[in-house]
């Protein structure tokens, strides 16, 4: 899955937590979120323009939900419940576990959350 496909998929599944998300879908969308969150803010600071910074903040707020739902679908690809997302609240250990789970491949073949997205 490419950059544009990942963005279209995650935004079209804005509130969808059913199903599975492969690694490329999650990480390409995460890159998009980082770019959208930082570029307007940096541009607004460089130009000393408050409205551009506000737009960047609003875009970041709008992307919180699809980022969480893509993360939950990524957990489903690992055959884990979406509730594991909250382990990120544990300092240091939680972030390391999240990163490990999001980087490693999902389960091969179907699991309790659906068909293998790579099949």
C-alpha atoms as a PDB file:
ATOM      1  CA  UNK A   1       0.000   0.000   0.000  1.00  0.00           C
ATOM      2  CA  UNK A   2       1.362   3.403  -0.952  1.00  0.00           C
ATOM      3  CA  UNK A   3       1.205   6.791   0.717  1.00  0.00           C
ATOM      4  CA  UNK A   4      -1.952   8.012  -1.041  1.00  0.00           C
ATOM      5  CA  UNK A   5      -3.765   4.687  -0.648  1.00  0.00           C
ATOM      6  CA  UNK A   6      -3.028   4.626   3.071  1.00  0.00           C
ATOM      7  CA  UNK A   7      -4.373   8.150   3.544  1.00  0.00           C
ATOM      8  CA  UNK A   8      -7.533   7.386   1.558  1.00  0.00           C
ATOM      9  CA  UNK A   9      -8.092   4.124   3.435  1.00  0.00           C
ATOM     10  CA  UNK A  10      -7.606   5.579   6.911  1.00  0.00           C
ATOM     11  CA  UNK A  11      -9.703   8.655   6.235  1.00  0.00           C
ATOM     12  CA  UNK A  12     -12.493   6.581   4.666  1.00  0.00           C
ATOM     13  CA  UNK A  13     -12.436   4.368   7.777  1.00  0.00           C
ATOM     14  CA  UNK A  14     -12.541   7.443  10.051  1.00  0.00           C
ATOM     15  CA  UNK A  15     -14.569   5.748  12.809  1.00  0.00           C
ATOM     16  CA  UNK A  16     -14.110   2.087  11.804  1.00  0.00           C
ATOM     17  CA  UNK A  17     -12.338  -0.150  14.283  1.00  0.00           C
ATOM     18  CA  UNK A  18     -13.429  -3.447  12.703  1.00  0.00           C
ATOM     19  CA  UNK A  19     -10.960  -5.233  10.501  1.00  0.00           C
ATOM     20  CA  UNK A  20      -7.212  -5.214  10.206  1.00  0.00           C
ATOM     21  CA  UNK A  21      -4.611  -2.685   9.078  1.00  0.00           C
ATOM     22  CA  UNK A  22      -1.308  -3.773   7.630  1.00  0.00           C
ATOM     23  CA  UNK A  23       1.957  -2.114   8.608  1.00  0.00           C
ATOM     24  CA  UNK A  24       2.280  -0.010   5.481  1.00  0.00           C
ATOM     25  CA  UNK A  25      -1.221   1.388   5.915  1.00  0.00           C
ATOM     26  CA  UNK A  26      -0.552   2.423   9.503  1.00  0.00           C
ATOM     27  CA  UNK A  27       2.940   3.861   9.023  1.00  0.00           C
ATOM     28  CA  UNK A  28       2.174   5.802   5.830  1.00  0.00           C
ATOM     29  CA  UNK A  29      -0.857   7.333   7.536  1.00  0.00           C
ATOM     30  CA  UNK A  30       1.198   8.076  10.646  1.00  0.00           C
ATOM     31  CA  UNK A  31       3.765   9.914   8.461  1.00  0.00           C
ATOM     32  CA  UNK A  32       0.918  11.936   6.947  1.00  0.00           C
ATOM     33  CA  UNK A  33      -0.364  12.847  10.416  1.00  0.00           C
ATOM     34  CA  UNK A  34       3.096  13.953  11.544  1.00  0.00           C
ATOM     35  CA  UNK A  35       3.521  16.105   8.428  1.00  0.00           C
ATOM     36  CA  UNK A  36       0.081  17.676   8.784  1.00  0.00           C
ATOM     37  CA  UNK A  37       0.642  18.322  12.491  1.00  0.00           C
ATOM     38  CA  UNK A  38       4.087  19.883  12.196  1.00  0.00           C
ATOM     39  CA  UNK A  39       4.309  21.684   8.853  1.00  0.00           C
ATOM     40  CA  UNK A  40       1.539  24.282   9.401  1.00  0.00           C
ATOM     41  CA  UNK A  41       2.786  24.945  12.923  1.00  0.00           C
ATOM     42  CA  UNK A  42       6.368  25.430  11.760  1.00  0.00           C
ATOM     43  CA  UNK A  43       5.249  27.562   8.828  1.00  0.00           C
ATOM     44  CA  UNK A  44       3.047  29.656  11.102  1.00  0.00           C
ATOM     45  CA  UNK A  45       5.898  30.210  13.549  1.00  0.00           C
ATOM     46  CA  UNK A  46       8.303  31.170  10.760  1.00  0.00           C
ATOM     47  CA  UNK A  47       5.832  33.628   9.260  1.00  0.00           C
ATOM     48  CA  UNK A  48       4.609  34.761  12.684  1.00  0.00           C
ATOM     49  CA  UNK A  49       1.093  33.981  11.524  1.00  0.00           C
ATOM     50  CA  UNK A  50      -1.406  32.892  14.135  1.00  0.00           C
ATOM     51  CA  UNK A  51      -4.133  31.767  11.685  1.00  0.00           C
ATOM     52  CA  UNK A  52      -1.812  29.237  10.029  1.00  0.00           C
ATOM     53  CA  UNK A  53      -0.949  27.810  13.447  1.00  0.00           C
ATOM     54  CA  UNK A  54      -4.650  27.576  14.299  1.00  0.00           C
ATOM     55  CA  UNK A  55      -5.336  25.709  11.053  1.00  0.00           C
ATOM     56  CA  UNK A  56      -2.532  23.280  11.876  1.00  0.00           C
ATOM     57  CA  UNK A  57      -3.987  22.716  15.331  1.00  0.00           C
ATOM     58  CA  UNK A  58      -7.458  22.086  13.942  1.00  0.00           C
ATOM     59  CA  UNK A  59      -6.092  19.619  11.397  1.00  0.00           C
ATOM     60  CA  UNK A  60      -4.251  17.802  14.183  1.00  0.00           C
ATOM     61  CA  UNK A  61      -7.444  17.576  16.219  1.00  0.00           C
ATOM     62  CA  UNK A  62      -9.361  16.263  13.219  1.00  0.00           C
ATOM     63  CA  UNK A  63      -6.780  13.495  12.698  1.00  0.00           C
ATOM     64  CA  UNK A  64      -6.754  12.183  16.277  1.00  0.00           C
ATOM     65  CA  UNK A  65      -9.693   9.823  15.773  1.00  0.00           C
ATOM     66  CA  UNK A  66      -8.501   8.190  12.515  1.00  0.00           C
ATOM     67  CA  UNK A  67      -5.030   7.798  14.030  1.00  0.00           C
ATOM     68  CA  UNK A  68      -6.488   5.937  17.008  1.00  0.00           C
ATOM     69  CA  UNK A  69      -8.761   3.780  14.846  1.00  0.00           C
ATOM     70  CA  UNK A  70      -5.856   2.893  12.519  1.00  0.00           C
ATOM     71  CA  UNK A  71      -3.833   1.905  15.609  1.00  0.00           C
ATOM     72  CA  UNK A  72      -6.668  -0.293  16.850  1.00  0.00           C
ATOM     73  CA  UNK A  73      -6.936  -1.975  13.448  1.00  0.00           C
ATOM     74  CA  UNK A  74      -3.161  -2.472  13.573  1.00  0.00           C
ATOM     75  CA  UNK A  75      -3.593  -4.284  16.903  1.00  0.00           C
ATOM     76  CA  UNK A  76      -6.277  -6.414  15.276  1.00  0.00           C
ATOM     77  CA  UNK A  77      -3.722  -7.420  12.639  1.00  0.00           C
ATOM     78  CA  UNK A  78      -1.565  -8.692  15.519  1.00  0.00           C
ATOM     79  CA  UNK A  79      -4.628 -10.606  16.885  1.00  0.00           C
ATOM     80  CA  UNK A  80      -4.738  -8.307  19.918  1.00  0.00           C
ATOM     81  CA  UNK A  81      -7.622  -6.345  21.330  1.00  0.00           C
ATOM     82  CA  UNK A  82      -7.764  -2.615  20.666  1.00  0.00           C
ATOM     83  CA  UNK A  83      -7.704  -2.040  24.418  1.00  0.00           C
ATOM     84  CA  UNK A  84      -3.945  -2.670  24.278  1.00  0.00           C
ATOM     85  CA  UNK A  85      -3.711   0.841  22.851  1.00  0.00           C
ATOM     86  CA  UNK A  86      -3.889   2.140  26.426  1.00  0.00           C
ATOM     87  CA  UNK A  87      -0.566   0.491  27.281  1.00  0.00           C
ATOM     88  CA  UNK A  88       0.962   3.570  25.675  1.00  0.00           C
ATOM     89  CA  UNK A  89      -0.011   5.458  28.840  1.00  0.00           C
ATOM     90  CA  UNK A  90       2.584   3.481  30.828  1.00  0.00           C
ATOM     91  CA  UNK A  91       5.772   5.559  30.804  1.00  0.00           C
ATOM     92  CA  UNK A  92       8.625   4.233  28.651  1.00  0.00           C
ATOM     93  CA  UNK A  93       7.626   0.547  28.716  1.00  0.00           C
ATOM     94  CA  UNK A  94       4.263   1.239  27.076  1.00  0.00           C
ATOM     95  CA  UNK A  95       5.766   3.247  24.229  1.00  0.00           C
ATOM     96  CA  UNK A  96       8.406   0.578  23.599  1.00  0.00           C
ATOM     97  CA  UNK A  97       5.743  -2.154  23.486  1.00  0.00           C
ATOM     98  CA  UNK A  98       3.537  -0.112  21.136  1.00  0.00           C
ATOM     99  CA  UNK A  99       6.446   0.531  18.804  1.00  0.00           C
ATOM    100  CA  UNK A 100       7.435  -3.139  18.820  1.00  0.00           C
ATOM    101  CA  UNK A 101       3.891  -4.323  18.078  1.00  0.00           C
ATOM    102  CA  UNK A 102       3.324  -1.735  15.353  1.00  0.00           C
ATOM    103  CA  UNK A 103       6.621  -2.550  13.606  1.00  0.00           C
ATOM    104  CA  UNK A 104       6.413  -6.353  13.635  1.00  0.00           C
ATOM    105  CA  UNK A 105       4.337  -8.241  11.030  1.00  0.00           C
ATOM    106  CA  UNK A 106       0.746  -9.194  11.740  1.00  0.00           C
ATOM    107  CA  UNK A 107      -0.556 -12.728  12.037  1.00  0.00           C
ATOM    108  CA  UNK A 108      -0.527 -14.687   8.805  1.00  0.00           C
ATOM    109  CA  UNK A 109      -3.896 -15.823   7.549  1.00  0.00           C
ATOM    110  CA  UNK A 110      -7.275 -15.015   9.061  1.00  0.00           C
ATOM    111  CA  UNK A 111      -7.653 -14.289  12.756  1.00  0.00           C
ATOM    112  CA  UNK A 112     -10.616 -13.405  14.982  1.00  0.00           C
ATOM    113  CA  UNK A 113     -10.677  -9.858  13.568  1.00  0.00           C
ATOM    114  CA  UNK A 114     -10.878 -10.757   9.890  1.00  0.00           C
ATOM    115  CA  UNK A 115      -9.005 -11.882   6.832  1.00  0.00           C
ATOM    116  CA  UNK A 116      -5.303 -11.242   6.303  1.00  0.00           C
ATOM    117  CA  UNK A 117      -5.007  -7.827   4.578  1.00  0.00           C
ATOM    118  CA  UNK A 118      -1.946  -9.060   2.671  1.00  0.00           C
ATOM    119  CA  UNK A 119      -3.779 -12.083   1.207  1.00  0.00           C
END
